[in-house]
Amino acid sequence: MRLTARANGSITHWVRVTDVAGNTSACHVLGTYVHDDIAPATPYLSSATEPASPSNQTDSPVFFGYAERGTTVLLVEDSYSCSAEVARAAVNGTTGAFRIQTKGVEGEGRSRGDEEGC
């Protein structure tokens, strides 16, 4: 027997047990499986950076915003491949708010803290 969850839906599995004497238990919920292949919505900034831009106070501004609750926001340098991670922040599971601190950029798109050759 196959039990298949609908695409981007859920399916609840129920069980009952029969012993060797033929006694059968009541039906109980085993669990629910949720299929999810939908990407989260694009995060957005809720306010200006800290400190406000433009500024010469720091080369490591903080960004504040909102994203899908329970996700992780990645700040990247390379918009083409979206793979050069600079910083990450967990999104609050209740409010959806995030705060992400950058490392500061030092010429040629390199982030402070990068080692030569990496």
N, C-alpha and C. Protein backbone atom coordinates (compact mmCIF):
# COMPACT_ATOMS: atom_id res chain seq x y z
N MET A 1 0.84 -1.17 0.00
CA MET A 1 0.00 0.00 0.00
C MET A 1 0.90 1.24 0.00
N ARG A 2 0.52 2.25 -0.79
CA ARG A 2 1.25 3.51 -0.83
C ARG A 2 0.39 4.62 -0.27
N LEU A 3 1.01 5.43 0.56
CA LEU A 3 0.37 6.64 1.05
C LEU A 3 1.20 7.81 0.53
N THR A 4 0.60 8.66 -0.26
CA THR A 4 1.33 9.74 -0.90
C THR A 4 0.76 11.08 -0.48
N ALA A 5 1.65 11.96 -0.03
CA ALA A 5 1.22 13.33 0.31
C ALA A 5 1.03 14.10 -0.99
N ARG A 6 0.03 14.93 -1.01
CA ARG A 6 -0.17 15.82 -2.15
C ARG A 6 0.97 16.83 -2.21
N ALA A 7 1.32 17.25 -3.42
CA ALA A 7 2.36 18.27 -3.56
C ALA A 7 1.97 19.50 -2.76
N ASN A 8 2.87 19.94 -1.91
CA ASN A 8 2.66 21.10 -1.04
C ASN A 8 1.41 20.95 -0.18
N GLY A 9 1.18 19.75 0.24
CA GLY A 9 0.06 19.46 1.12
C GLY A 9 0.52 18.57 2.26
N SER A 10 -0.40 17.96 2.94
CA SER A 10 -0.04 17.09 4.05
C SER A 10 -0.90 15.84 4.03
N ILE A 11 -0.40 14.83 4.71
CA ILE A 11 -1.15 13.58 4.85
C ILE A 11 -0.96 13.10 6.29
N THR A 12 -2.04 12.69 6.90
CA THR A 12 -1.99 12.17 8.26
C THR A 12 -2.07 10.66 8.20
N HIS A 13 -1.16 10.00 8.91
CA HIS A 13 -1.12 8.54 8.95
C HIS A 13 -1.72 8.06 10.27
N TRP A 14 -2.59 7.08 10.15
CA TRP A 14 -3.25 6.49 11.31
C TRP A 14 -2.80 5.04 11.41
N VAL A 15 -2.78 4.50 12.62
CA VAL A 15 -2.38 3.11 12.81
C VAL A 15 -3.30 2.41 13.80
N ARG A 16 -3.34 1.12 13.68
CA ARG A 16 -3.93 0.27 14.69
C ARG A 16 -3.11 -1.00 14.70
N VAL A 17 -3.09 -1.68 15.81
CA VAL A 17 -2.23 -2.83 15.99
C VAL A 17 -3.09 -4.05 16.32
N THR A 18 -2.72 -5.18 15.72
CA THR A 18 -3.38 -6.45 16.04
C THR A 18 -2.32 -7.40 16.58
N ASP A 19 -2.59 -7.99 17.75
CA ASP A 19 -1.62 -8.91 18.34
C ASP A 19 -1.87 -10.33 17.83
N VAL A 20 -1.02 -11.27 18.27
CA VAL A 20 -1.11 -12.66 17.80
C VAL A 20 -2.42 -13.33 18.20
N ALA A 21 -3.06 -12.83 19.26
CA ALA A 21 -4.34 -13.41 19.70
C ALA A 21 -5.52 -12.84 18.91
N GLY A 22 -5.25 -11.86 18.04
CA GLY A 22 -6.33 -11.29 17.24
C GLY A 22 -6.98 -10.06 17.84
N ASN A 23 -6.45 -9.56 18.96
CA ASN A 23 -6.98 -8.34 19.59
C ASN A 23 -6.47 -7.12 18.82
N THR A 24 -7.38 -6.21 18.52
CA THR A 24 -7.01 -5.04 17.73
C THR A 24 -7.21 -3.78 18.57
N SER A 25 -6.20 -2.91 18.51
CA SER A 25 -6.26 -1.65 19.25
C SER A 25 -7.18 -0.67 18.54
N ALA A 26 -7.47 0.42 19.24
CA ALA A 26 -8.20 1.51 18.61
C ALA A 26 -7.28 2.17 17.59
N CYS A 27 -7.85 2.93 16.70
CA CYS A 27 -7.08 3.65 15.69
C CYS A 27 -6.47 4.90 16.32
N HIS A 28 -5.16 5.13 16.09
CA HIS A 28 -4.44 6.26 16.67
C HIS A 28 -3.68 7.00 15.57
N VAL A 29 -3.51 8.30 15.77
CA VAL A 29 -2.72 9.10 14.83
C VAL A 29 -1.25 8.76 15.00
N LEU A 30 -0.61 8.34 13.94
CA LEU A 30 0.82 8.06 13.95
C LEU A 30 1.59 9.37 13.77
N GLY A 31 1.12 10.22 12.86
CA GLY A 31 1.78 11.49 12.61
C GLY A 31 1.32 12.08 11.30
N THR A 32 1.70 13.32 11.09
CA THR A 32 1.35 14.03 9.86
C THR A 32 2.63 14.39 9.14
N TYR A 33 2.67 14.13 7.84
CA TYR A 33 3.80 14.48 7.00
C TYR A 33 3.38 15.66 6.13
N VAL A 34 4.24 16.68 6.08
CA VAL A 34 3.95 17.87 5.27
C VAL A 34 4.97 17.93 4.15
N HIS A 35 4.51 17.98 2.92
CA HIS A 35 5.37 18.15 1.75
C HIS A 35 5.46 19.65 1.46
N ASP A 36 6.69 20.17 1.32
CA ASP A 36 6.87 21.61 1.10
C ASP A 36 8.04 21.84 0.15
N ASP A 37 7.75 22.23 -1.08
CA ASP A 37 8.82 22.59 -2.01
C ASP A 37 8.65 24.02 -2.53
N ILE A 38 7.97 24.85 -1.73
CA ILE A 38 7.77 26.25 -2.09
C ILE A 38 8.82 27.09 -1.39
N ALA A 39 9.57 27.87 -2.18
CA ALA A 39 10.59 28.75 -1.60
C ALA A 39 9.93 29.83 -0.75
N PRO A 40 10.63 30.26 0.32
CA PRO A 40 10.06 31.34 1.14
C PRO A 40 10.02 32.65 0.35
N ALA A 41 9.16 33.55 0.78
CA ALA A 41 9.06 34.87 0.14
C ALA A 41 10.36 35.64 0.36
N THR A 42 10.64 36.58 -0.52
CA THR A 42 11.83 37.41 -0.42
C THR A 42 11.76 38.27 0.84
N PRO A 43 12.84 38.31 1.63
CA PRO A 43 12.84 39.16 2.82
C PRO A 43 12.84 40.64 2.42
N TYR A 44 12.44 41.49 3.33
CA TYR A 44 12.48 42.92 3.05
C TYR A 44 13.00 43.68 4.25
N LEU A 45 13.61 44.82 3.98
CA LEU A 45 14.13 45.66 5.05
C LEU A 45 12.99 46.44 5.68
N SER A 46 13.02 46.54 6.99
CA SER A 46 11.97 47.25 7.70
C SER A 46 12.32 48.70 7.96
N SER A 47 13.60 49.01 7.93
CA SER A 47 14.03 50.38 8.20
C SER A 47 15.40 50.58 7.58
N ALA A 48 15.93 51.76 7.77
CA ALA A 48 17.27 52.06 7.27
C ALA A 48 18.30 51.22 8.00
N THR A 49 19.51 51.27 7.50
CA THR A 49 20.60 50.56 8.17
C THR A 49 20.97 51.27 9.46
N GLU A 50 21.76 50.58 10.27
CA GLU A 50 22.28 51.19 11.49
C GLU A 50 23.79 51.12 11.43
N PRO A 51 24.51 52.21 11.36
CA PRO A 51 24.00 53.58 11.34
C PRO A 51 23.34 53.88 10.00
N ALA A 52 22.59 54.97 9.98
CA ALA A 52 21.90 55.37 8.75
C ALA A 52 22.91 55.62 7.64
N SER A 53 22.55 55.28 6.43
CA SER A 53 23.41 55.47 5.27
C SER A 53 23.09 56.81 4.63
N PRO A 54 24.07 57.57 4.18
CA PRO A 54 25.50 57.32 4.19
C PRO A 54 26.11 57.63 5.56
N SER A 55 27.23 56.94 5.84
CA SER A 55 27.89 57.13 7.13
C SER A 55 29.36 56.76 7.01
N ASN A 56 30.20 57.42 7.81
CA ASN A 56 31.59 57.02 7.90
C ASN A 56 31.90 56.44 9.28
N GLN A 57 30.85 56.09 10.04
CA GLN A 57 31.02 55.57 11.39
C GLN A 57 31.52 54.13 11.41
N THR A 58 31.12 53.34 10.42
CA THR A 58 31.49 51.93 10.40
C THR A 58 31.41 51.41 8.98
N ASP A 59 32.17 50.36 8.70
CA ASP A 59 32.02 49.67 7.41
C ASP A 59 31.30 48.34 7.62
N SER A 60 30.64 48.19 8.77
CA SER A 60 29.89 46.99 9.11
C SER A 60 28.47 47.35 9.55
N PRO A 61 27.64 47.82 8.62
CA PRO A 61 26.29 48.21 9.01
C PRO A 61 25.42 47.02 9.42
N VAL A 62 24.37 47.32 10.13
CA VAL A 62 23.39 46.32 10.54
C VAL A 62 22.12 46.55 9.71
N PHE A 63 21.53 45.48 9.21
CA PHE A 63 20.27 45.55 8.48
C PHE A 63 19.18 44.93 9.34
N PHE A 64 18.00 45.52 9.30
CA PHE A 64 16.83 45.00 10.03
C PHE A 64 15.74 44.72 9.01
N GLY A 65 15.02 43.64 9.20
CA GLY A 65 13.96 43.34 8.25
C GLY A 65 13.05 42.24 8.73
N TYR A 66 12.26 41.76 7.79
CA TYR A 66 11.31 40.69 8.06
C TYR A 66 11.39 39.64 6.96
N ALA A 67 11.19 38.40 7.34
CA ALA A 67 11.19 37.28 6.40
C ALA A 67 10.25 36.22 6.96
N GLU A 68 10.08 35.16 6.18
CA GLU A 68 9.20 34.08 6.63
C GLU A 68 9.69 33.55 7.98
N ARG A 69 8.78 33.42 8.92
CA ARG A 69 9.13 32.96 10.28
C ARG A 69 9.84 31.61 10.24
N GLY A 70 10.89 31.51 11.08
CA GLY A 70 11.62 30.26 11.20
C GLY A 70 12.67 30.01 10.12
N THR A 71 12.87 30.94 9.20
CA THR A 71 13.86 30.77 8.14
C THR A 71 15.20 31.38 8.56
N THR A 72 16.17 31.30 7.67
CA THR A 72 17.48 31.92 7.87
C THR A 72 17.74 32.86 6.71
N VAL A 73 18.15 34.08 7.00
CA VAL A 73 18.48 35.06 5.97
C VAL A 73 19.99 35.03 5.76
N LEU A 74 20.42 34.91 4.50
CA LEU A 74 21.83 34.92 4.16
C LEU A 74 22.14 36.20 3.40
N LEU A 75 23.15 36.92 3.83
CA LEU A 75 23.62 38.11 3.13
C LEU A 75 24.77 37.66 2.25
N VAL A 76 24.68 37.92 0.95
CA VAL A 76 25.69 37.46 0.00
C VAL A 76 26.29 38.62 -0.77
N GLU A 77 27.52 38.44 -1.24
CA GLU A 77 28.20 39.48 -2.02
C GLU A 77 27.95 39.33 -3.51
N ASP A 78 27.76 38.11 -3.98
CA ASP A 78 27.69 37.82 -5.40
C ASP A 78 26.24 37.62 -5.83
N SER A 79 25.66 38.61 -6.50
CA SER A 79 24.26 38.51 -6.89
C SER A 79 24.04 37.51 -8.01
N TYR A 80 25.08 37.17 -8.77
CA TYR A 80 24.92 36.22 -9.88
C TYR A 80 24.67 34.80 -9.38
N SER A 81 25.55 34.31 -8.50
CA SER A 81 25.40 32.94 -8.02
C SER A 81 24.74 32.89 -6.65
N CYS A 82 24.68 34.04 -5.97
CA CYS A 82 24.09 34.12 -4.64
C CYS A 82 24.75 33.13 -3.68
N SER A 83 26.09 32.98 -3.82
CA SER A 83 26.77 31.94 -3.04
C SER A 83 27.87 32.46 -2.11
N ALA A 84 28.32 33.69 -2.28
CA ALA A 84 29.41 34.21 -1.44
C ALA A 84 28.82 34.78 -0.16
N GLU A 85 28.57 33.90 0.80
CA GLU A 85 27.91 34.31 2.05
C GLU A 85 28.80 35.22 2.88
N VAL A 86 28.23 36.34 3.30
CA VAL A 86 28.93 37.31 4.14
C VAL A 86 28.46 37.18 5.58
N ALA A 87 27.17 37.01 5.76
CA ALA A 87 26.60 36.91 7.11
C ALA A 87 25.28 36.17 7.02
N ARG A 88 24.82 35.69 8.17
CA ARG A 88 23.51 35.01 8.24
C ARG A 88 22.84 35.38 9.54
N ALA A 89 21.51 35.31 9.51
CA ALA A 89 20.73 35.61 10.70
C ALA A 89 19.50 34.71 10.73
N ALA A 90 19.21 34.17 11.89
CA ALA A 90 17.99 33.40 12.07
C ALA A 90 16.82 34.36 12.17
N VAL A 91 15.72 34.00 11.55
CA VAL A 91 14.51 34.81 11.60
C VAL A 91 13.68 34.37 12.79
N ASN A 92 13.20 35.34 13.55
CA ASN A 92 12.38 35.06 14.73
C ASN A 92 11.16 34.23 14.32
N GLY A 93 10.95 33.12 15.02
CA GLY A 93 9.85 32.23 14.70
C GLY A 93 8.48 32.77 15.04
N THR A 94 8.41 33.81 15.84
CA THR A 94 7.12 34.41 16.21
C THR A 94 6.82 35.66 15.40
N THR A 95 7.79 36.56 15.30
CA THR A 95 7.54 37.86 14.65
C THR A 95 7.99 37.93 13.21
N GLY A 96 8.94 37.08 12.81
CA GLY A 96 9.49 37.14 11.46
C GLY A 96 10.60 38.18 11.31
N ALA A 97 10.98 38.83 12.42
CA ALA A 97 12.00 39.87 12.37
C ALA A 97 13.40 39.26 12.31
N PHE A 98 14.31 39.96 11.65
CA PHE A 98 15.71 39.56 11.67
C PHE A 98 16.60 40.79 11.79
N ARG A 99 17.82 40.56 12.27
CA ARG A 99 18.87 41.57 12.40
C ARG A 99 20.12 40.92 11.86
N ILE A 100 20.72 41.51 10.86
CA ILE A 100 21.90 40.90 10.26
C ILE A 100 23.04 41.90 10.26
N GLN A 101 24.16 41.48 10.83
CA GLN A 101 25.36 42.33 10.98
C GLN A 101 26.34 41.97 9.87
N THR A 102 26.73 42.95 9.07
CA THR A 102 27.71 42.70 8.02
C THR A 102 29.11 42.70 8.58
N LYS A 103 30.07 42.19 7.80
CA LYS A 103 31.46 42.14 8.22
C LYS A 103 32.23 43.39 7.81
N GLY A 104 31.76 44.10 6.82
CA GLY A 104 32.51 45.23 6.28
C GLY A 104 33.29 44.77 5.06
N VAL A 105 33.31 45.60 4.04
CA VAL A 105 33.94 45.23 2.77
C VAL A 105 35.24 45.98 2.61
N GLU A 106 36.27 45.27 2.14
CA GLU A 106 37.58 45.87 1.91
C GLU A 106 37.99 45.65 0.47
N GLY A 107 37.57 46.51 -0.43
CA GLY A 107 38.01 46.47 -1.82
C GLY A 107 37.79 45.14 -2.53
N GLU A 108 37.61 45.19 -3.83
CA GLU A 108 37.47 44.01 -4.68
C GLU A 108 36.41 43.03 -4.19
N GLY A 109 35.43 43.50 -3.43
CA GLY A 109 34.33 42.64 -3.02
C GLY A 109 34.68 41.64 -1.92
N ARG A 110 35.88 41.75 -1.34
CA ARG A 110 36.27 40.83 -0.26
C ARG A 110 35.72 41.33 1.06
N SER A 111 35.37 40.44 1.91
CA SER A 111 34.85 40.79 3.23
C SER A 111 35.97 40.75 4.24
N ARG A 112 35.93 41.63 5.21
CA ARG A 112 36.89 41.58 6.30
C ARG A 112 36.84 40.20 6.93
N GLY A 113 37.98 39.64 7.20
CA GLY A 113 38.05 38.31 7.80
C GLY A 113 38.36 37.23 6.79
N ASP A 114 38.19 37.53 5.46
CA ASP A 114 38.55 36.54 4.46
C ASP A 114 40.06 36.37 4.44
N GLU A 115 40.51 35.15 4.29
CA GLU A 115 41.94 34.87 4.20
C GLU A 115 42.36 34.90 2.73
N GLU A 116 43.60 35.25 2.48
CA GLU A 116 44.15 35.27 1.14
C GLU A 116 44.00 33.89 0.51
N GLY A 117 43.50 33.85 -0.72
CA GLY A 117 43.38 32.59 -1.42
C GLY A 117 42.09 31.85 -1.15
N CYS A 118 41.23 32.35 -0.29
CA CYS A 118 39.97 31.65 0.00
C CYS A 118 38.87 32.15 -0.90
